[in-house]
């Protein structure tokens, strides 16, 4: 696990750490308190990944196409 706050991670960073957390939990070789902390971190990482995917989907959906199917620009999307 890294010390990087989850909300500052890129999608790729969060996904990589989430995979590591899941691996540790699946092995079951950590103490109960550490398992709980890992589960909480994993839940936060999962939410970060979902939020980043949603943001990317909104950006893709905002791209407008011309009659030939070529991108002509984007429509601003409210970011949170």
N, C-alpha and C. Protein backbone atom coordinates (compact mmCIF):
# COMPACT_ATOMS: atom_id res chain seq x y z
N UNK A 1 0.84 -1.18 0.00
CA UNK A 1 0.00 0.00 0.00
C UNK A 1 0.88 1.24 0.00
N UNK A 2 0.36 2.26 -0.65
CA UNK A 2 1.09 3.52 -0.68
C UNK A 2 0.49 4.48 0.33
N UNK A 3 1.19 5.57 0.56
CA UNK A 3 0.68 6.60 1.46
C UNK A 3 -0.10 7.67 0.70
N UNK A 4 -0.19 7.52 -0.62
CA UNK A 4 -0.89 8.50 -1.44
C UNK A 4 -2.37 8.50 -1.08
N UNK A 5 -2.94 9.69 -0.79
CA UNK A 5 -4.38 9.73 -0.52
C UNK A 5 -5.15 9.23 -1.74
N UNK A 6 -6.17 8.44 -1.50
CA UNK A 6 -6.94 7.84 -2.59
C UNK A 6 -7.49 8.88 -3.54
N UNK A 7 -7.96 10.00 -3.01
CA UNK A 7 -8.56 11.03 -3.87
C UNK A 7 -7.56 11.71 -4.79
N UNK A 8 -6.27 11.50 -4.57
CA UNK A 8 -5.24 12.08 -5.44
C UNK A 8 -4.69 11.07 -6.45
N UNK A 9 -5.16 9.84 -6.40
CA UNK A 9 -4.65 8.80 -7.29
C UNK A 9 -5.28 8.87 -8.66
N UNK A 10 -4.50 8.48 -9.66
CA UNK A 10 -5.05 8.29 -10.99
C UNK A 10 -5.84 6.99 -10.98
N UNK A 11 -6.60 6.76 -12.04
CA UNK A 11 -7.33 5.50 -12.16
C UNK A 11 -6.36 4.33 -12.11
N UNK A 12 -5.28 4.43 -12.85
CA UNK A 12 -4.32 3.34 -12.93
C UNK A 12 -3.67 3.04 -11.58
N UNK A 13 -3.32 4.09 -10.85
CA UNK A 13 -2.73 3.90 -9.52
C UNK A 13 -3.72 3.22 -8.57
N UNK A 14 -4.95 3.71 -8.59
CA UNK A 14 -5.98 3.15 -7.70
C UNK A 14 -6.27 1.70 -8.05
N UNK A 15 -6.33 1.40 -9.34
CA UNK A 15 -6.61 0.03 -9.76
C UNK A 15 -5.48 -0.92 -9.35
N UNK A 16 -4.25 -0.49 -9.53
CA UNK A 16 -3.11 -1.31 -9.17
C UNK A 16 -3.10 -1.60 -7.67
N UNK A 17 -3.34 -0.57 -6.87
CA UNK A 17 -3.36 -0.77 -5.42
C UNK A 17 -4.55 -1.62 -5.01
N UNK A 18 -5.69 -1.43 -5.66
CA UNK A 18 -6.87 -2.24 -5.35
C UNK A 18 -6.58 -3.72 -5.60
N UNK A 19 -5.91 -4.01 -6.69
CA UNK A 19 -5.54 -5.40 -6.99
C UNK A 19 -4.63 -5.97 -5.89
N UNK A 20 -3.70 -5.15 -5.40
CA UNK A 20 -2.80 -5.60 -4.33
C UNK A 20 -3.58 -5.85 -3.05
N UNK A 21 -4.53 -4.97 -2.73
CA UNK A 21 -5.35 -5.13 -1.53
C UNK A 21 -6.17 -6.41 -1.62
N UNK A 22 -6.80 -6.64 -2.75
CA UNK A 22 -7.60 -7.85 -2.93
C UNK A 22 -6.72 -9.09 -2.79
N UNK A 23 -5.52 -9.05 -3.34
CA UNK A 23 -4.60 -10.17 -3.22
C UNK A 23 -4.27 -10.48 -1.77
N UNK A 24 -4.00 -9.44 -0.99
CA UNK A 24 -3.69 -9.64 0.42
C UNK A 24 -4.89 -10.22 1.17
N UNK A 25 -6.06 -9.69 0.89
CA UNK A 25 -7.26 -10.19 1.57
C UNK A 25 -7.56 -11.64 1.18
N UNK A 26 -7.36 -11.98 -0.09
CA UNK A 26 -7.62 -13.35 -0.54
C UNK A 26 -6.65 -14.35 0.09
N UNK A 27 -5.41 -13.94 0.30
CA UNK A 27 -4.44 -14.84 0.92
C UNK A 27 -4.81 -15.13 2.37
N UNK A 28 -5.43 -14.16 3.03
CA UNK A 28 -5.88 -14.36 4.40
C UNK A 28 -4.76 -14.47 5.41
N UNK A 29 -3.59 -13.94 5.07
CA UNK A 29 -2.46 -14.06 5.98
C UNK A 29 -2.19 -12.78 6.76
N UNK A 30 -3.22 -11.95 6.94
CA UNK A 30 -3.07 -10.72 7.70
C UNK A 30 -3.97 -10.76 8.92
N UNK A 31 -3.58 -10.04 9.95
CA UNK A 31 -4.35 -9.99 11.19
C UNK A 31 -5.71 -9.34 10.93
N UNK A 32 -6.64 -9.61 11.81
CA UNK A 32 -8.02 -9.10 11.66
C UNK A 32 -8.04 -7.58 11.54
N UNK A 33 -7.32 -6.88 12.42
CA UNK A 33 -7.31 -5.41 12.35
C UNK A 33 -6.76 -4.91 11.02
N UNK A 34 -5.72 -5.57 10.54
CA UNK A 34 -5.15 -5.18 9.25
C UNK A 34 -6.11 -5.52 8.12
N UNK A 35 -6.83 -6.62 8.24
CA UNK A 35 -7.82 -6.99 7.22
C UNK A 35 -8.91 -5.93 7.12
N UNK A 36 -9.34 -5.43 8.27
CA UNK A 36 -10.38 -4.40 8.29
C UNK A 36 -9.86 -3.12 7.62
N UNK A 37 -8.64 -2.74 7.96
CA UNK A 37 -8.04 -1.55 7.35
C UNK A 37 -7.88 -1.73 5.84
N UNK A 38 -7.45 -2.93 5.43
CA UNK A 38 -7.32 -3.21 4.00
C UNK A 38 -8.67 -3.15 3.30
N UNK A 39 -9.70 -3.70 3.93
CA UNK A 39 -11.04 -3.68 3.34
C UNK A 39 -11.52 -2.24 3.16
N UNK A 40 -11.30 -1.40 4.18
CA UNK A 40 -11.71 0.00 4.09
C UNK A 40 -10.96 0.72 2.98
N UNK A 41 -9.65 0.47 2.89
CA UNK A 41 -8.84 1.08 1.82
C UNK A 41 -9.33 0.59 0.46
N UNK A 42 -9.62 -0.70 0.37
CA UNK A 42 -10.12 -1.27 -0.87
C UNK A 42 -11.44 -0.65 -1.31
N UNK A 43 -12.33 -0.41 -0.35
CA UNK A 43 -13.62 0.21 -0.67
C UNK A 43 -13.40 1.63 -1.21
N UNK A 44 -12.48 2.37 -0.60
CA UNK A 44 -12.19 3.73 -1.07
C UNK A 44 -11.56 3.69 -2.47
N UNK A 45 -10.66 2.73 -2.69
CA UNK A 45 -10.03 2.60 -4.01
C UNK A 45 -11.05 2.23 -5.07
N UNK A 46 -11.97 1.34 -4.74
CA UNK A 46 -13.02 0.94 -5.68
C UNK A 46 -13.87 2.14 -6.07
N UNK A 47 -14.24 2.96 -5.08
CA UNK A 47 -15.04 4.14 -5.36
C UNK A 47 -14.27 5.11 -6.25
N UNK A 48 -12.98 5.27 -5.98
CA UNK A 48 -12.15 6.17 -6.80
C UNK A 48 -12.13 5.70 -8.26
N UNK A 49 -11.96 4.40 -8.46
CA UNK A 49 -11.97 3.85 -9.83
C UNK A 49 -13.31 4.09 -10.50
N UNK A 50 -14.40 3.84 -9.77
CA UNK A 50 -15.73 4.06 -10.34
C UNK A 50 -15.94 5.52 -10.71
N UNK A 51 -15.51 6.44 -9.83
CA UNK A 51 -15.66 7.87 -10.10
C UNK A 51 -14.86 8.30 -11.33
N UNK A 52 -13.63 7.79 -11.44
CA UNK A 52 -12.79 8.14 -12.59
C UNK A 52 -13.36 7.57 -13.89
N UNK A 53 -13.91 6.36 -13.84
CA UNK A 53 -14.54 5.79 -15.04
C UNK A 53 -15.76 6.60 -15.45
N UNK A 54 -16.55 7.02 -14.48
CA UNK A 54 -17.74 7.82 -14.78
C UNK A 54 -17.33 9.15 -15.41
N UNK A 55 -16.28 9.77 -14.87
CA UNK A 55 -15.80 11.04 -15.42
C UNK A 55 -15.33 10.85 -16.86
N UNK A 56 -14.63 9.77 -17.13
CA UNK A 56 -14.16 9.50 -18.49
C UNK A 56 -15.33 9.24 -19.43
N UNK A 57 -16.33 8.49 -18.97
CA UNK A 57 -17.51 8.21 -19.79
C UNK A 57 -18.25 9.49 -20.13
N UNK A 58 -18.34 10.42 -19.17
CA UNK A 58 -19.01 11.69 -19.42
C UNK A 58 -18.25 12.50 -20.46
N UNK A 59 -16.93 12.47 -20.40
CA UNK A 59 -16.13 13.19 -21.39
C UNK A 59 -16.35 12.61 -22.79
N UNK A 60 -16.36 11.29 -22.89
CA UNK A 60 -16.56 10.63 -24.18
C UNK A 60 -17.97 10.95 -24.70
N UNK A 61 -18.96 10.91 -23.83
CA UNK A 61 -20.33 11.19 -24.24
C UNK A 61 -20.50 12.64 -24.70
N UNK A 62 -19.64 13.54 -24.22
CA UNK A 62 -19.76 14.95 -24.57
C UNK A 62 -19.15 15.29 -25.92
N UNK A 63 -18.41 14.36 -26.52
CA UNK A 63 -17.79 14.63 -27.82
C UNK A 63 -18.89 14.65 -28.88
N UNK A 64 -18.92 15.73 -29.65
CA UNK A 64 -19.92 15.84 -30.71
C UNK A 64 -19.29 15.42 -32.03
N UNK A 65 -20.10 14.81 -32.89
CA UNK A 65 -19.63 14.33 -34.19
C UNK A 65 -20.33 15.10 -35.30
N UNK A 66 -19.61 15.30 -36.41
CA UNK A 66 -20.23 15.94 -37.57
C UNK A 66 -20.94 14.88 -38.42
N UNK A 67 -21.45 15.27 -39.57
CA UNK A 67 -22.21 14.35 -40.43
C UNK A 67 -21.37 13.17 -40.89
N UNK A 68 -20.06 13.33 -40.96
CA UNK A 68 -19.17 12.25 -41.39
C UNK A 68 -18.70 11.39 -40.22
N UNK A 69 -19.18 11.70 -39.03
CA UNK A 69 -18.79 10.93 -37.85
C UNK A 69 -17.46 11.36 -37.26
N UNK A 70 -16.98 12.54 -37.67
CA UNK A 70 -15.70 13.04 -37.15
C UNK A 70 -15.96 13.96 -35.95
N UNK A 71 -15.11 13.88 -34.94
CA UNK A 71 -15.28 14.76 -33.78
C UNK A 71 -15.15 16.22 -34.19
N UNK A 72 -16.06 17.04 -33.72
CA UNK A 72 -16.03 18.47 -34.04
C UNK A 72 -15.69 19.30 -32.81
N UNK A 73 -15.68 18.73 -31.69
CA UNK A 73 -15.42 19.45 -30.45
C UNK A 73 -16.09 18.74 -29.30
N UNK A 74 -16.04 19.36 -28.19
CA UNK A 74 -16.69 18.76 -27.03
C UNK A 74 -17.65 19.74 -26.41
N UNK A 75 -18.61 19.19 -25.76
CA UNK A 75 -19.57 19.97 -25.01
C UNK A 75 -19.09 19.95 -23.56
N UNK A 76 -18.96 21.12 -22.93
CA UNK A 76 -18.49 21.12 -21.54
C UNK A 76 -19.37 20.25 -20.64
N UNK A 77 -18.72 19.53 -19.77
CA UNK A 77 -19.41 18.67 -18.81
C UNK A 77 -19.12 19.23 -17.43
N UNK A 78 -20.15 19.41 -16.63
CA UNK A 78 -19.94 19.87 -15.26
C UNK A 78 -19.10 18.85 -14.51
N UNK A 79 -17.99 19.29 -13.97
CA UNK A 79 -17.16 18.37 -13.17
C UNK A 79 -17.43 18.64 -11.71
N UNK A 80 -17.26 17.58 -10.93
CA UNK A 80 -17.53 17.68 -9.50
C UNK A 80 -16.23 17.74 -8.75
